[in-house]
N, C-alpha and C. Protein backbone atom coordinates (compact mmCIF):
# COMPACT_ATOMS: atom_id res chain seq x y z
N MET A 1 111.26 122.85 93.09
CA MET A 1 110.31 122.00 93.78
C MET A 1 109.63 122.81 94.88
N ILE A 2 108.34 122.55 95.09
CA ILE A 2 107.60 123.26 96.12
C ILE A 2 107.90 122.66 97.49
N ASP A 3 107.59 123.40 98.52
CA ASP A 3 107.74 122.93 99.89
C ASP A 3 106.51 122.08 100.22
N VAL A 4 106.67 120.76 100.27
CA VAL A 4 105.56 119.85 100.52
C VAL A 4 105.44 119.59 102.02
N PRO A 5 104.24 119.76 102.59
CA PRO A 5 104.07 119.51 104.02
C PRO A 5 104.46 118.08 104.41
N PRO A 6 104.92 117.88 105.64
CA PRO A 6 105.36 116.55 106.06
C PRO A 6 104.21 115.60 106.40
N ILE A 7 103.00 116.14 106.54
CA ILE A 7 101.82 115.32 106.86
C ILE A 7 100.96 115.21 105.61
N ALA A 8 100.47 113.99 105.34
CA ALA A 8 99.69 113.75 104.12
C ALA A 8 98.39 113.03 104.43
N LEU A 9 97.49 113.07 103.45
CA LEU A 9 96.25 112.30 103.47
C LEU A 9 96.22 111.53 102.16
N SER A 10 95.99 110.23 102.23
CA SER A 10 95.92 109.39 101.04
C SER A 10 94.49 109.38 100.51
N VAL A 11 94.35 109.60 99.21
CA VAL A 11 93.05 109.68 98.54
C VAL A 11 93.15 108.87 97.26
N ARG A 12 92.13 108.02 97.00
CA ARG A 12 92.15 107.24 95.76
C ARG A 12 91.94 108.15 94.56
N GLN A 13 92.53 107.74 93.44
CA GLN A 13 92.32 108.43 92.18
C GLN A 13 90.94 108.05 91.63
N PRO A 14 90.24 108.88 90.92
CA PRO A 14 90.66 110.19 90.43
C PRO A 14 90.36 111.34 91.40
N SER A 15 89.91 111.03 92.61
CA SER A 15 89.59 112.10 93.57
C SER A 15 90.82 112.89 93.97
N ALA A 16 91.98 112.23 94.10
CA ALA A 16 93.21 112.96 94.44
C ALA A 16 93.52 113.98 93.34
N TRP A 17 93.39 113.55 92.07
CA TRP A 17 93.61 114.47 90.95
C TRP A 17 92.64 115.64 91.02
N ALA A 18 91.37 115.35 91.33
CA ALA A 18 90.34 116.40 91.38
C ALA A 18 90.62 117.42 92.49
N ILE A 19 91.20 116.99 93.59
CA ILE A 19 91.56 117.93 94.66
C ILE A 19 92.62 118.90 94.17
N ILE A 20 93.61 118.39 93.48
CA ILE A 20 94.73 119.23 93.05
C ILE A 20 94.44 119.99 91.75
N HIS A 21 93.71 119.36 90.81
CA HIS A 21 93.54 119.97 89.48
C HIS A 21 92.10 120.24 89.07
N GLY A 22 91.12 119.65 89.73
CA GLY A 22 89.74 119.71 89.24
C GLY A 22 88.77 120.54 90.05
N GLY A 23 89.27 121.28 91.04
CA GLY A 23 88.38 122.14 91.82
C GLY A 23 87.63 121.45 92.94
N LYS A 24 88.01 120.22 93.29
CA LYS A 24 87.33 119.49 94.38
C LYS A 24 87.69 120.17 95.70
N ASP A 25 86.68 120.79 96.32
CA ASP A 25 86.93 121.58 97.52
C ASP A 25 86.45 120.92 98.81
N VAL A 26 86.01 119.67 98.72
CA VAL A 26 85.63 118.91 99.91
C VAL A 26 86.09 117.47 99.72
N GLU A 27 86.75 116.90 100.72
CA GLU A 27 87.09 115.48 100.72
C GLU A 27 86.22 114.83 101.79
N ASN A 28 85.31 113.96 101.35
CA ASN A 28 84.34 113.33 102.25
C ASN A 28 84.96 112.21 103.06
N ARG A 29 84.66 112.20 104.33
CA ARG A 29 85.11 111.17 105.27
C ARG A 29 84.04 111.03 106.34
N SER A 30 84.08 109.94 107.07
CA SER A 30 83.18 109.80 108.21
C SER A 30 83.79 110.57 109.39
N LEU A 31 82.95 110.98 110.32
CA LEU A 31 83.47 111.66 111.51
C LEU A 31 84.40 110.74 112.29
N GLY A 32 84.08 109.44 112.33
CA GLY A 32 84.93 108.46 113.01
C GLY A 32 86.32 108.38 112.40
N SER A 33 86.39 108.35 111.06
CA SER A 33 87.70 108.27 110.41
C SER A 33 88.49 109.56 110.62
N MET A 34 87.79 110.69 110.70
CA MET A 34 88.49 111.96 110.97
C MET A 34 89.06 111.97 112.38
N ARG A 35 88.28 111.45 113.32
CA ARG A 35 88.74 111.41 114.71
C ARG A 35 89.93 110.47 114.85
N VAL A 36 89.80 109.25 114.32
CA VAL A 36 90.87 108.26 114.42
C VAL A 36 92.11 108.73 113.66
N GLY A 37 91.91 109.37 112.50
CA GLY A 37 93.02 109.84 111.68
C GLY A 37 93.61 111.16 112.12
N ARG A 38 93.08 111.71 113.23
CA ARG A 38 93.56 112.97 113.80
C ARG A 38 93.59 114.09 112.76
N MET A 39 92.50 114.17 111.99
CA MET A 39 92.41 115.18 110.93
C MET A 39 91.98 116.51 111.50
N THR A 40 92.77 117.52 111.24
CA THR A 40 92.53 118.87 111.73
C THR A 40 92.86 119.85 110.60
N PRO A 41 92.43 121.10 110.74
CA PRO A 41 92.79 122.10 109.74
C PRO A 41 94.30 122.32 109.68
N GLY A 42 94.76 122.76 108.52
CA GLY A 42 96.17 123.03 108.28
C GLY A 42 96.56 122.55 106.89
N ARG A 43 97.73 122.90 106.45
CA ARG A 43 98.20 122.50 105.11
C ARG A 43 98.70 121.07 105.16
N ILE A 44 98.25 120.25 104.20
CA ILE A 44 98.65 118.84 104.12
C ILE A 44 99.05 118.50 102.69
N ALA A 45 99.83 117.45 102.57
CA ALA A 45 100.15 116.89 101.25
C ALA A 45 99.01 115.96 100.85
N ILE A 46 98.78 115.84 99.55
CA ILE A 46 97.81 114.88 99.03
C ILE A 46 98.58 113.73 98.41
N HIS A 47 98.30 112.53 98.94
CA HIS A 47 98.91 111.30 98.45
C HIS A 47 97.89 110.58 97.58
N ALA A 48 98.24 110.29 96.33
CA ALA A 48 97.39 109.50 95.45
C ALA A 48 97.63 108.03 95.80
N ALA A 49 96.60 107.39 96.35
CA ALA A 49 96.72 106.01 96.81
C ALA A 49 97.09 105.07 95.66
N THR A 50 97.65 103.94 96.01
CA THR A 50 98.00 102.94 95.01
C THR A 50 96.75 102.31 94.41
N GLY A 51 95.75 102.07 95.24
CA GLY A 51 94.52 101.44 94.76
C GLY A 51 93.64 102.41 93.98
N MET A 52 93.02 101.90 92.93
CA MET A 52 92.03 102.66 92.18
C MET A 52 91.05 101.63 91.64
N LYS A 53 89.77 101.81 91.96
CA LYS A 53 88.74 100.86 91.54
C LYS A 53 88.07 101.33 90.25
N ARG A 54 87.89 100.40 89.34
CA ARG A 54 87.31 100.76 88.05
C ARG A 54 85.90 101.32 88.20
N ASP A 55 85.07 100.72 89.06
CA ASP A 55 83.69 101.22 89.20
C ASP A 55 83.68 102.65 89.74
N GLU A 56 84.57 102.96 90.67
CA GLU A 56 84.66 104.33 91.17
C GLU A 56 85.15 105.28 90.08
N TYR A 57 86.17 104.86 89.35
CA TYR A 57 86.70 105.69 88.27
C TYR A 57 85.61 105.97 87.24
N ASP A 58 84.92 104.93 86.77
CA ASP A 58 83.87 105.10 85.77
C ASP A 58 82.78 106.05 86.25
N TYR A 59 82.33 105.85 87.48
CA TYR A 59 81.27 106.70 88.00
C TYR A 59 81.73 108.16 88.08
N LEU A 60 82.91 108.40 88.61
CA LEU A 60 83.38 109.77 88.79
C LEU A 60 83.66 110.45 87.45
N VAL A 61 84.19 109.73 86.47
CA VAL A 61 84.40 110.30 85.14
C VAL A 61 83.04 110.73 84.56
N TRP A 62 82.05 109.85 84.68
CA TRP A 62 80.70 110.16 84.17
C TRP A 62 80.11 111.36 84.92
N ARG A 63 80.20 111.33 86.25
CA ARG A 63 79.58 112.38 87.07
C ARG A 63 80.22 113.73 86.81
N TRP A 64 81.54 113.78 86.80
CA TRP A 64 82.22 115.06 86.65
C TRP A 64 82.12 115.59 85.23
N ALA A 65 81.98 114.70 84.24
CA ALA A 65 81.81 115.15 82.85
C ALA A 65 80.56 116.02 82.71
N ARG A 66 79.53 115.76 83.52
CA ARG A 66 78.31 116.57 83.48
C ARG A 66 78.61 118.01 83.86
N ASP A 67 79.66 118.22 84.66
CA ASP A 67 80.05 119.57 85.08
C ASP A 67 81.20 120.12 84.23
N GLY A 68 81.54 119.43 83.16
CA GLY A 68 82.59 119.90 82.27
C GLY A 68 84.00 119.59 82.73
N ILE A 69 84.15 118.69 83.70
CA ILE A 69 85.48 118.34 84.20
C ILE A 69 85.94 117.08 83.47
N GLN A 70 87.03 117.18 82.75
CA GLN A 70 87.56 116.04 82.00
C GLN A 70 88.72 115.44 82.78
N VAL A 71 88.52 114.22 83.24
CA VAL A 71 89.50 113.50 84.05
C VAL A 71 90.49 112.79 83.12
N PRO A 72 91.78 112.81 83.45
CA PRO A 72 92.74 112.05 82.65
C PRO A 72 92.41 110.55 82.63
N ARG A 73 92.89 109.88 81.62
CA ARG A 73 92.73 108.42 81.55
C ARG A 73 93.30 107.78 82.81
N PRO A 74 92.80 106.61 83.22
CA PRO A 74 93.29 106.00 84.45
C PRO A 74 94.78 105.65 84.40
N ASP A 75 95.30 105.31 83.23
CA ASP A 75 96.72 104.97 83.15
C ASP A 75 97.62 106.21 83.16
N ALA A 76 97.02 107.40 83.09
CA ALA A 76 97.79 108.65 83.14
C ALA A 76 97.81 109.27 84.53
N LEU A 77 97.03 108.71 85.45
CA LEU A 77 96.97 109.25 86.81
C LEU A 77 98.05 108.61 87.68
N PRO A 78 98.91 109.41 88.30
CA PRO A 78 99.92 108.82 89.18
C PRO A 78 99.27 108.19 90.40
N ARG A 79 99.80 107.06 90.80
CA ARG A 79 99.33 106.37 92.01
C ARG A 79 100.54 105.98 92.85
N GLY A 80 100.35 106.00 94.16
CA GLY A 80 101.46 105.70 95.06
C GLY A 80 102.44 106.85 95.15
N ALA A 81 101.89 108.10 95.20
CA ALA A 81 102.77 109.27 95.19
C ALA A 81 102.09 110.49 95.81
N ILE A 82 102.91 111.37 96.34
CA ILE A 82 102.47 112.71 96.72
C ILE A 82 102.33 113.49 95.42
N ILE A 83 101.16 114.14 95.22
CA ILE A 83 100.94 114.87 93.97
C ILE A 83 100.72 116.37 94.18
N GLY A 84 100.73 116.82 95.43
CA GLY A 84 100.55 118.25 95.70
C GLY A 84 100.18 118.47 97.14
N SER A 85 99.74 119.69 97.42
CA SER A 85 99.31 120.03 98.78
C SER A 85 98.06 120.89 98.71
N VAL A 86 97.37 120.96 99.83
CA VAL A 86 96.12 121.72 99.92
C VAL A 86 95.94 122.17 101.37
N GLU A 87 95.22 123.27 101.54
CA GLU A 87 94.91 123.77 102.88
C GLU A 87 93.58 123.19 103.32
N VAL A 88 93.56 122.50 104.47
CA VAL A 88 92.31 122.06 105.08
C VAL A 88 91.83 123.22 105.95
N VAL A 89 90.70 123.81 105.56
CA VAL A 89 90.20 125.00 106.23
C VAL A 89 89.40 124.65 107.47
N GLU A 90 88.53 123.64 107.35
CA GLU A 90 87.71 123.21 108.49
C GLU A 90 87.09 121.86 108.20
N ILE A 91 86.53 121.27 109.23
CA ILE A 91 85.76 120.04 109.11
C ILE A 91 84.30 120.46 109.07
N VAL A 92 83.56 119.99 108.04
CA VAL A 92 82.17 120.40 107.86
C VAL A 92 81.24 119.19 107.90
N THR A 93 80.03 119.41 108.40
CA THR A 93 78.99 118.39 108.36
C THR A 93 77.84 118.83 107.47
N ILE A 94 77.89 120.08 107.04
CA ILE A 94 76.92 120.65 106.10
C ILE A 94 77.73 121.51 105.14
N SER A 95 77.40 121.39 103.84
CA SER A 95 78.12 122.19 102.85
C SER A 95 77.28 122.33 101.59
N ASP A 96 77.38 123.49 100.95
CA ASP A 96 76.72 123.71 99.67
C ASP A 96 77.59 123.25 98.51
N SER A 97 78.79 122.79 98.79
CA SER A 97 79.70 122.37 97.73
C SER A 97 79.10 121.17 96.98
N PRO A 98 79.16 121.16 95.66
CA PRO A 98 78.70 119.99 94.91
C PRO A 98 79.57 118.76 95.17
N TRP A 99 80.73 118.95 95.78
CA TRP A 99 81.63 117.84 96.09
C TRP A 99 81.28 117.18 97.41
N PHE A 100 80.42 117.82 98.22
CA PHE A 100 80.06 117.26 99.54
C PHE A 100 79.00 116.19 99.34
N GLY A 101 79.17 115.07 99.99
CA GLY A 101 78.18 114.00 99.83
C GLY A 101 78.32 112.93 100.87
N GLY A 102 78.43 113.29 102.10
CA GLY A 102 78.58 112.27 103.12
C GLY A 102 78.26 112.82 104.49
N GLU A 103 78.73 112.11 105.48
CA GLU A 103 78.51 112.50 106.87
C GLU A 103 79.29 113.77 107.21
N ALA A 104 80.51 113.86 106.70
CA ALA A 104 81.36 115.00 107.02
C ALA A 104 82.40 115.15 105.92
N GLY A 105 83.09 116.27 105.93
CA GLY A 105 84.12 116.49 104.93
C GLY A 105 85.17 117.46 105.40
N LEU A 106 86.32 117.38 104.76
CA LEU A 106 87.38 118.35 104.98
C LEU A 106 87.19 119.44 103.92
N ALA A 107 86.94 120.67 104.34
CA ALA A 107 86.82 121.79 103.40
C ALA A 107 88.22 122.21 102.98
N LEU A 108 88.45 122.27 101.67
CA LEU A 108 89.79 122.47 101.11
C LEU A 108 89.88 123.75 100.30
N ARG A 109 91.10 124.32 100.24
CA ARG A 109 91.35 125.47 99.37
C ARG A 109 92.84 125.53 99.03
N ASP A 110 93.15 126.33 98.04
CA ASP A 110 94.53 126.62 97.63
C ASP A 110 95.36 125.38 97.30
N PRO A 111 94.90 124.55 96.35
CA PRO A 111 95.72 123.40 95.96
C PRO A 111 96.97 123.85 95.20
N VAL A 112 98.07 123.15 95.44
CA VAL A 112 99.33 123.42 94.75
C VAL A 112 99.87 122.07 94.26
N PRO A 113 99.96 121.88 92.94
CA PRO A 113 100.49 120.61 92.43
C PRO A 113 102.01 120.52 92.58
N CYS A 114 102.50 119.31 92.55
CA CYS A 114 103.95 119.07 92.48
C CYS A 114 104.16 117.87 91.57
N ASP A 115 105.38 117.71 91.09
CA ASP A 115 105.71 116.49 90.35
C ASP A 115 105.51 115.32 91.30
N PRO A 116 104.98 114.19 90.81
CA PRO A 116 104.75 113.05 91.69
C PRO A 116 106.01 112.61 92.42
N ILE A 117 105.86 112.42 93.73
CA ILE A 117 106.95 111.93 94.58
C ILE A 117 106.52 110.57 95.11
N PRO A 118 107.12 109.47 94.61
CA PRO A 118 106.71 108.15 95.10
C PRO A 118 106.80 108.06 96.62
N ALA A 119 105.73 107.53 97.22
CA ALA A 119 105.65 107.38 98.67
C ALA A 119 104.58 106.34 99.00
N THR A 120 104.75 105.70 100.13
CA THR A 120 103.77 104.74 100.62
C THR A 120 102.71 105.49 101.42
N GLY A 121 101.44 105.13 101.21
CA GLY A 121 100.34 105.78 101.91
C GLY A 121 99.99 105.09 103.21
N ALA A 122 99.04 105.67 103.92
CA ALA A 122 98.53 105.11 105.17
C ALA A 122 97.14 105.71 105.41
N LEU A 123 96.44 105.17 106.38
CA LEU A 123 95.12 105.70 106.73
C LEU A 123 95.27 106.95 107.57
N GLY A 124 94.28 107.86 107.48
CA GLY A 124 94.30 109.09 108.25
C GLY A 124 95.45 109.99 107.83
N TYR A 125 95.74 110.98 108.66
CA TYR A 125 96.93 111.80 108.42
C TYR A 125 98.14 110.97 108.76
N PHE A 126 99.19 111.09 107.97
CA PHE A 126 100.40 110.32 108.24
C PHE A 126 101.63 111.11 107.81
N ALA A 127 102.75 110.84 108.48
CA ALA A 127 104.02 111.44 108.12
C ALA A 127 104.57 110.61 106.96
N TRP A 128 104.75 111.24 105.80
CA TRP A 128 105.17 110.51 104.61
C TRP A 128 106.67 110.65 104.39
N GLN A 129 107.20 109.67 103.67
CA GLN A 129 108.60 109.70 103.26
C GLN A 129 108.68 109.24 101.81
N ALA A 130 109.52 109.88 101.04
CA ALA A 130 109.73 109.45 99.66
C ALA A 130 110.32 108.05 99.67
N SER A 131 109.72 107.16 98.86
CA SER A 131 110.22 105.79 98.77
C SER A 131 109.57 105.06 97.60
N GLY A 132 110.29 104.12 97.05
CA GLY A 132 109.74 103.24 96.02
C GLY A 132 109.53 103.91 94.67
N ASP A 133 108.58 103.36 93.93
CA ASP A 133 108.27 103.80 92.59
C ASP A 133 106.77 104.05 92.47
N LEU A 134 106.38 104.78 91.45
CA LEU A 134 104.96 104.95 91.16
C LEU A 134 104.36 103.58 90.85
N ALA A 135 103.07 103.41 91.17
CA ALA A 135 102.38 102.16 90.85
C ALA A 135 102.21 102.04 89.34
N GLU A 136 102.47 100.88 88.80
CA GLU A 136 102.29 100.62 87.37
C GLU A 136 100.80 100.51 87.06
N PRO A 137 100.36 100.99 85.90
CA PRO A 137 98.95 100.85 85.53
C PRO A 137 98.56 99.37 85.41
N LEU A 138 97.36 99.06 85.88
CA LEU A 138 96.82 97.71 85.73
C LEU A 138 96.27 97.56 84.31
N LEU A 139 96.00 96.33 83.91
CA LEU A 139 95.53 96.06 82.56
C LEU A 139 94.26 96.85 82.23
N TRP A 140 93.29 96.88 83.18
CA TRP A 140 92.05 97.60 82.89
C TRP A 140 92.31 99.09 82.66
N MET A 141 93.33 99.63 83.32
CA MET A 141 93.65 101.05 83.17
C MET A 141 94.24 101.33 81.79
N ARG A 142 95.09 100.44 81.33
CA ARG A 142 95.70 100.62 80.00
C ARG A 142 94.67 100.44 78.88
N ASP A 143 93.70 99.54 79.10
CA ASP A 143 92.70 99.23 78.06
C ASP A 143 91.46 100.10 78.17
N TRP A 144 91.34 100.93 79.20
CA TRP A 144 90.13 101.70 79.44
C TRP A 144 89.81 102.59 78.25
N GLY A 145 88.56 102.51 77.79
CA GLY A 145 88.09 103.38 76.72
C GLY A 145 88.61 103.05 75.34
N THR A 146 89.16 101.86 75.15
CA THR A 146 89.73 101.53 73.84
C THR A 146 88.93 100.45 73.12
N ALA A 147 87.64 100.34 73.40
CA ALA A 147 86.81 99.34 72.72
C ALA A 147 86.83 99.56 71.22
N ASP A 148 87.07 100.81 70.79
CA ASP A 148 87.11 101.12 69.37
C ASP A 148 88.52 100.97 68.80
N GLY A 149 89.41 100.37 69.61
CA GLY A 149 90.79 100.21 69.16
C GLY A 149 91.60 101.49 69.22
N GLY A 150 91.08 102.50 69.91
CA GLY A 150 91.80 103.75 70.04
C GLY A 150 91.56 104.70 68.88
N LEU A 151 90.67 104.34 67.95
CA LEU A 151 90.42 105.15 66.77
C LEU A 151 89.92 106.55 67.13
N PHE A 152 89.11 106.63 68.18
CA PHE A 152 88.53 107.92 68.58
C PHE A 152 89.01 108.30 69.97
N GLY A 153 90.27 108.06 70.28
CA GLY A 153 90.80 108.27 71.61
C GLY A 153 90.78 109.70 72.11
N ASP A 154 90.64 110.69 71.21
CA ASP A 154 90.65 112.08 71.65
C ASP A 154 89.25 112.64 71.86
N MET A 155 88.21 111.80 71.70
CA MET A 155 86.84 112.26 71.88
C MET A 155 86.42 112.07 73.34
N PRO A 156 85.44 112.87 73.81
CA PRO A 156 84.95 112.68 75.18
C PRO A 156 84.38 111.28 75.38
N VAL A 157 84.50 110.78 76.60
CA VAL A 157 84.01 109.45 76.93
C VAL A 157 82.50 109.48 77.04
N HIS A 158 81.85 108.46 76.51
CA HIS A 158 80.41 108.31 76.63
C HIS A 158 80.12 106.93 77.20
N PHE A 159 79.11 106.85 78.04
CA PHE A 159 78.71 105.59 78.64
C PHE A 159 77.36 105.18 78.09
N ALA A 160 77.22 103.90 77.69
CA ALA A 160 75.94 103.41 77.18
C ALA A 160 74.88 103.46 78.27
N GLU A 161 75.29 103.21 79.51
CA GLU A 161 74.39 103.27 80.66
C GLU A 161 75.05 104.09 81.75
N THR A 162 74.23 104.72 82.57
CA THR A 162 74.76 105.49 83.69
C THR A 162 75.47 104.54 84.65
N PRO A 163 76.74 104.80 84.97
CA PRO A 163 77.43 103.93 85.93
C PRO A 163 76.75 103.98 87.30
N VAL A 164 76.78 102.88 87.99
CA VAL A 164 76.20 102.78 89.33
C VAL A 164 77.13 103.48 90.32
N LYS A 165 76.55 104.27 91.22
CA LYS A 165 77.36 104.93 92.24
C LYS A 165 77.91 103.86 93.18
N PRO A 166 79.23 103.69 93.24
CA PRO A 166 79.82 102.58 93.99
C PRO A 166 80.08 102.83 95.46
N PHE A 167 79.75 104.00 95.96
CA PHE A 167 80.06 104.31 97.36
C PHE A 167 78.99 105.22 97.92
N GLY A 168 78.96 105.33 99.24
CA GLY A 168 78.00 106.22 99.91
C GLY A 168 76.59 105.65 99.90
N ARG A 169 75.73 106.28 100.67
CA ARG A 169 74.35 105.84 100.78
C ARG A 169 73.41 106.73 100.00
N ARG A 170 73.90 107.86 99.52
CA ARG A 170 73.05 108.80 98.82
C ARG A 170 73.03 108.53 97.33
N LYS A 171 71.94 108.92 96.71
CA LYS A 171 71.87 108.84 95.25
C LYS A 171 72.59 110.04 94.69
N PRO A 172 73.11 109.93 93.44
CA PRO A 172 73.80 111.09 92.85
C PRO A 172 72.86 112.28 92.71
N ARG A 173 73.40 113.47 92.95
CA ARG A 173 72.61 114.69 92.75
C ARG A 173 72.46 114.91 91.27
N CYS A 174 71.26 115.14 90.84
CA CYS A 174 71.01 115.35 89.41
C CYS A 174 70.69 116.79 89.11
């Protein structure tokens, strides 16, 4: 087992997965939430939040697929657990990263995955403790992408219409 930092940041899936496995090098936050959450540079654990919204998942799967990033199915993403660690290099308000898209962000590097460790999340940076169980997949997560009955389950996901960006004030970069 790797040495997991005692301080964590909770991030909704699939963004938590993208930080650890998909090359996501910026986690967007408001400057206010960074101040209140006492976010500073240093190595932190990444906690995959229990909550995951279908509209966010759909949009991010569609958006990242354009860059060749294939996100696991929603029922395969651990939730309610520490899933790895990452180095927060600095807080940025301007970035050339394609992952930057807000008022400010935590610039990240050197992600290290770990086996999921069930834990309860919190806002901002928080001292985590192992507890409980992983969140069970919701019905929409189990049924996601199976309109064809699972016949073509190994093919890339296609959307009939571009999903609406469910967060932020900016339009998606095209």
